[in-house]
Amino acid sequence: MNEFTTRTADQLPILLQAFRKEAGLTQKEVAMRLGVTQQTYSALERNADTVGAARLLRLLGILGVDLVLRKTGSPRPVATQNDPSDANW
C-alpha cells in the first residue's frame, strides 16, 4: 500500500491526476461519475484547493483511494494566502 503525506492543497493536483491514471480513468469518465462536465473536472483536478470536502471524498472513492487522518503530535501553524503576517513561513 502506498501512502502519501499531503499537507497542502498544492500537493493534491499531481496526486489526483496520478490516482486517476492509475485507476485507468479519463477525466471524462471521472467527470461523468461525479456528475460534472469534463471541463469542470479538469479545473477541479488543476485547482484542488477549491474542492469541498464532500466532493473530494466522493472523488477519492471513485479513484479507489482512502483518506486516512493521522495525528502527528503538536499542531503546526498554518499559513494562509490572505494573511501578510504569514509571509515568513
N, C-alpha and C. Protein backbone atom coordinates (compact mmCIF):
# COMPACT_ATOMS: atom_id res chain seq x y z
N MET A 1 0.85 -1.17 0.00
CA MET A 1 0.00 0.00 0.00
C MET A 1 0.89 1.24 0.00
N ASN A 2 0.63 2.15 -0.91
CA ASN A 2 1.36 3.41 -0.97
C ASN A 2 0.66 4.44 -0.11
N GLU A 3 1.45 5.21 0.62
CA GLU A 3 0.91 6.30 1.42
C GLU A 3 1.58 7.59 0.99
N PHE A 4 0.82 8.66 0.94
CA PHE A 4 1.32 9.96 0.52
C PHE A 4 0.92 10.99 1.56
N THR A 5 1.90 11.52 2.26
CA THR A 5 1.62 12.57 3.24
C THR A 5 1.40 13.87 2.49
N THR A 6 0.25 14.44 2.70
CA THR A 6 -0.14 15.66 1.99
C THR A 6 -0.53 16.70 3.03
N ARG A 7 0.17 17.84 3.00
CA ARG A 7 -0.09 18.87 4.00
C ARG A 7 -0.67 20.15 3.41
N THR A 8 -0.63 20.28 2.09
CA THR A 8 -1.19 21.48 1.46
C THR A 8 -2.00 21.09 0.23
N ALA A 9 -2.93 21.96 -0.13
CA ALA A 9 -3.76 21.71 -1.32
C ALA A 9 -2.92 21.75 -2.59
N ASP A 10 -1.79 22.43 -2.55
CA ASP A 10 -0.91 22.49 -3.73
C ASP A 10 -0.38 21.11 -4.11
N GLN A 11 -0.37 20.19 -3.18
CA GLN A 11 0.13 18.84 -3.43
C GLN A 11 -0.92 17.94 -4.07
N LEU A 12 -2.17 18.34 -4.00
CA LEU A 12 -3.26 17.47 -4.47
C LEU A 12 -3.33 17.27 -5.99
N PRO A 13 -3.16 18.31 -6.82
CA PRO A 13 -3.36 18.09 -8.26
C PRO A 13 -2.55 16.94 -8.85
N ILE A 14 -1.27 16.87 -8.54
CA ILE A 14 -0.44 15.80 -9.11
C ILE A 14 -0.88 14.43 -8.59
N LEU A 15 -1.29 14.39 -7.32
CA LEU A 15 -1.76 13.12 -6.77
C LEU A 15 -3.08 12.69 -7.38
N LEU A 16 -4.02 13.62 -7.52
CA LEU A 16 -5.31 13.28 -8.12
C LEU A 16 -5.13 12.78 -9.54
N GLN A 17 -4.27 13.44 -10.30
CA GLN A 17 -4.02 13.02 -11.67
C GLN A 17 -3.39 11.62 -11.69
N ALA A 18 -2.42 11.40 -10.82
CA ALA A 18 -1.76 10.09 -10.78
C ALA A 18 -2.73 8.98 -10.36
N PHE A 19 -3.56 9.26 -9.35
CA PHE A 19 -4.54 8.26 -8.93
C PHE A 19 -5.54 7.96 -10.04
N ARG A 20 -5.96 8.99 -10.77
CA ARG A 20 -6.91 8.80 -11.87
C ARG A 20 -6.29 7.92 -12.94
N LYS A 21 -5.06 8.23 -13.32
CA LYS A 21 -4.40 7.44 -14.37
C LYS A 21 -4.13 6.02 -13.91
N GLU A 22 -3.76 5.85 -12.64
CA GLU A 22 -3.54 4.50 -12.10
C GLU A 22 -4.83 3.68 -12.12
N ALA A 23 -5.96 4.36 -11.94
CA ALA A 23 -7.26 3.68 -11.98
C ALA A 23 -7.71 3.41 -13.41
N GLY A 24 -6.95 3.92 -14.39
CA GLY A 24 -7.29 3.70 -15.79
C GLY A 24 -8.49 4.51 -16.24
N LEU A 25 -8.70 5.67 -15.62
CA LEU A 25 -9.86 6.50 -15.94
C LEU A 25 -9.42 7.78 -16.65
N THR A 26 -10.25 8.22 -17.57
CA THR A 26 -10.04 9.51 -18.22
C THR A 26 -10.72 10.60 -17.38
N GLN A 27 -10.39 11.84 -17.66
CA GLN A 27 -11.08 12.94 -17.00
C GLN A 27 -12.58 12.88 -17.29
N LYS A 28 -12.92 12.54 -18.51
CA LYS A 28 -14.34 12.47 -18.88
C LYS A 28 -15.08 11.40 -18.09
N GLU A 29 -14.45 10.24 -17.89
CA GLU A 29 -15.08 9.16 -17.13
C GLU A 29 -15.29 9.56 -15.67
N VAL A 30 -14.28 10.18 -15.08
CA VAL A 30 -14.40 10.63 -13.69
C VAL A 30 -15.47 11.71 -13.58
N ALA A 31 -15.47 12.62 -14.54
CA ALA A 31 -16.47 13.70 -14.54
C ALA A 31 -17.88 13.13 -14.58
N MET A 32 -18.10 12.14 -15.43
CA MET A 32 -19.43 11.53 -15.53
C MET A 32 -19.84 10.92 -14.19
N ARG A 33 -18.92 10.25 -13.51
CA ARG A 33 -19.23 9.62 -12.23
C ARG A 33 -19.48 10.66 -11.14
N LEU A 34 -18.82 11.81 -11.25
CA LEU A 34 -19.03 12.90 -10.29
C LEU A 34 -20.28 13.71 -10.60
N GLY A 35 -20.76 13.59 -11.84
CA GLY A 35 -21.93 14.36 -12.25
C GLY A 35 -21.59 15.78 -12.65
N VAL A 36 -20.39 15.96 -13.20
CA VAL A 36 -19.96 17.28 -13.68
C VAL A 36 -19.46 17.14 -15.11
N THR A 37 -19.19 18.26 -15.75
CA THR A 37 -18.63 18.21 -17.11
C THR A 37 -17.14 17.89 -17.04
N GLN A 38 -16.58 17.47 -18.17
CA GLN A 38 -15.14 17.20 -18.23
C GLN A 38 -14.36 18.47 -17.93
N GLN A 39 -14.84 19.61 -18.41
CA GLN A 39 -14.16 20.88 -18.18
C GLN A 39 -14.15 21.22 -16.69
N THR A 40 -15.27 20.98 -16.01
CA THR A 40 -15.35 21.23 -14.57
C THR A 40 -14.39 20.33 -13.82
N TYR A 41 -14.35 19.05 -14.21
CA TYR A 41 -13.44 18.14 -13.53
C TYR A 41 -11.98 18.53 -13.80
N SER A 42 -11.67 18.90 -15.01
CA SER A 42 -10.31 19.32 -15.33
C SER A 42 -9.88 20.49 -14.44
N ALA A 43 -10.77 21.46 -14.27
CA ALA A 43 -10.47 22.60 -13.40
C ALA A 43 -10.31 22.14 -11.96
N LEU A 44 -11.13 21.21 -11.53
CA LEU A 44 -11.05 20.67 -10.17
C LEU A 44 -9.69 19.99 -9.96
N GLU A 45 -9.26 19.21 -10.94
CA GLU A 45 -8.01 18.49 -10.83
C GLU A 45 -6.82 19.45 -10.78
N ARG A 46 -6.92 20.57 -11.51
CA ARG A 46 -5.83 21.57 -11.52
C ARG A 46 -5.84 22.45 -10.28
N ASN A 47 -7.02 22.72 -9.75
CA ASN A 47 -7.18 23.66 -8.63
C ASN A 47 -7.85 22.97 -7.46
N ALA A 48 -7.20 21.98 -6.92
CA ALA A 48 -7.80 21.16 -5.87
C ALA A 48 -8.11 21.94 -4.60
N ASP A 49 -7.51 23.11 -4.43
CA ASP A 49 -7.78 23.89 -3.22
C ASP A 49 -9.19 24.46 -3.20
N THR A 50 -9.88 24.39 -4.33
CA THR A 50 -11.25 24.91 -4.40
C THR A 50 -12.30 23.83 -4.17
N VAL A 51 -11.88 22.59 -3.97
CA VAL A 51 -12.80 21.46 -3.83
C VAL A 51 -13.29 21.35 -2.40
N GLY A 52 -14.58 21.21 -2.24
CA GLY A 52 -15.15 21.00 -0.91
C GLY A 52 -14.85 19.58 -0.42
N ALA A 53 -14.94 19.40 0.87
CA ALA A 53 -14.61 18.11 1.48
C ALA A 53 -15.50 16.98 0.96
N ALA A 54 -16.78 17.23 0.83
CA ALA A 54 -17.70 16.18 0.38
C ALA A 54 -17.36 15.73 -1.05
N ARG A 55 -17.10 16.68 -1.92
CA ARG A 55 -16.76 16.33 -3.30
C ARG A 55 -15.41 15.63 -3.36
N LEU A 56 -14.44 16.08 -2.56
CA LEU A 56 -13.13 15.44 -2.55
C LEU A 56 -13.25 14.00 -2.09
N LEU A 57 -14.04 13.75 -1.05
CA LEU A 57 -14.22 12.38 -0.57
C LEU A 57 -14.91 11.51 -1.62
N ARG A 58 -15.88 12.07 -2.30
CA ARG A 58 -16.56 11.32 -3.37
C ARG A 58 -15.57 10.99 -4.49
N LEU A 59 -14.76 11.97 -4.87
CA LEU A 59 -13.75 11.77 -5.92
C LEU A 59 -12.75 10.70 -5.50
N LEU A 60 -12.27 10.76 -4.27
CA LEU A 60 -11.32 9.75 -3.81
C LEU A 60 -11.93 8.36 -3.85
N GLY A 61 -13.21 8.26 -3.52
CA GLY A 61 -13.91 6.98 -3.62
C GLY A 61 -13.94 6.46 -5.04
N ILE A 62 -14.22 7.35 -5.99
CA ILE A 62 -14.24 6.97 -7.41
C ILE A 62 -12.86 6.47 -7.84
N LEU A 63 -11.81 7.10 -7.32
CA LEU A 63 -10.44 6.75 -7.70
C LEU A 63 -9.91 5.55 -6.92
N GLY A 64 -10.70 5.05 -5.97
CA GLY A 64 -10.25 3.90 -5.18
C GLY A 64 -9.19 4.28 -4.16
N VAL A 65 -9.30 5.49 -3.61
CA VAL A 65 -8.31 6.00 -2.66
C VAL A 65 -8.99 6.26 -1.33
N ASP A 66 -8.37 5.82 -0.24
CA ASP A 66 -8.87 6.09 1.10
C ASP A 66 -8.19 7.33 1.65
N LEU A 67 -8.93 8.11 2.40
CA LEU A 67 -8.38 9.25 3.12
C LEU A 67 -8.13 8.79 4.55
N VAL A 68 -6.88 8.87 5.00
CA VAL A 68 -6.51 8.45 6.34
C VAL A 68 -5.99 9.68 7.08
N LEU A 69 -6.59 9.97 8.22
CA LEU A 69 -6.14 11.09 9.04
C LEU A 69 -5.34 10.53 10.20
N ARG A 70 -4.15 11.08 10.40
CA ARG A 70 -3.26 10.56 11.43
C ARG A 70 -2.73 11.74 12.25
N LYS A 71 -2.86 11.67 13.54
CA LYS A 71 -2.34 12.71 14.41
C LYS A 71 -0.81 12.63 14.41
N THR A 72 -0.17 13.79 14.23
CA THR A 72 1.28 13.82 14.13
C THR A 72 1.97 14.35 15.37
N GLY A 73 1.24 14.76 16.36
CA GLY A 73 1.85 15.35 17.55
C GLY A 73 1.28 16.72 17.79
N SER A 74 2.16 17.67 18.04
CA SER A 74 1.69 19.02 18.32
C SER A 74 1.21 19.70 17.04
N PRO A 75 0.23 20.57 17.17
CA PRO A 75 -0.30 21.28 16.00
C PRO A 75 0.77 22.16 15.36
N ARG A 76 0.70 22.27 14.04
CA ARG A 76 1.60 23.14 13.28
C ARG A 76 0.83 24.37 12.86
N PRO A 77 1.49 25.53 12.86
CA PRO A 77 0.81 26.72 12.35
C PRO A 77 0.51 26.55 10.86
N VAL A 78 -0.59 27.11 10.43
CA VAL A 78 -0.99 27.03 9.04
C VAL A 78 -0.97 28.42 8.43
N ALA A 79 -0.19 28.60 7.38
CA ALA A 79 -0.13 29.88 6.69
C ALA A 79 -1.33 30.01 5.76
N THR A 80 -1.83 31.22 5.63
CA THR A 80 -2.93 31.47 4.70
C THR A 80 -2.46 32.44 3.65
N GLN A 81 -3.06 32.37 2.48
CA GLN A 81 -2.66 33.23 1.38
C GLN A 81 -3.01 34.69 1.64
N ASN A 82 -4.04 34.95 2.43
CA ASN A 82 -4.52 36.30 2.61
C ASN A 82 -3.92 37.05 3.79
N ASP A 83 -3.12 36.37 4.60
CA ASP A 83 -2.57 36.98 5.80
C ASP A 83 -1.12 37.36 5.56
N PRO A 84 -0.79 38.66 5.41
CA PRO A 84 0.59 39.07 5.14
C PRO A 84 1.55 38.71 6.25
N SER A 85 1.06 38.51 7.47
CA SER A 85 1.96 38.14 8.56
C SER A 85 2.47 36.73 8.40
N ASP A 86 1.87 35.94 7.53
CA ASP A 86 2.30 34.57 7.29
C ASP A 86 3.41 34.48 6.25
N ALA A 87 3.86 35.58 5.71
CA ALA A 87 4.82 35.59 4.63
C ALA A 87 6.16 34.96 5.04
N ASN A 88 6.48 34.93 6.31
CA ASN A 88 7.75 34.39 6.76
C ASN A 88 7.73 32.88 6.95
N TRP A 89 6.63 32.23 6.75
CA TRP A 89 6.53 30.79 6.97
C TRP A 89 7.09 30.07 5.82
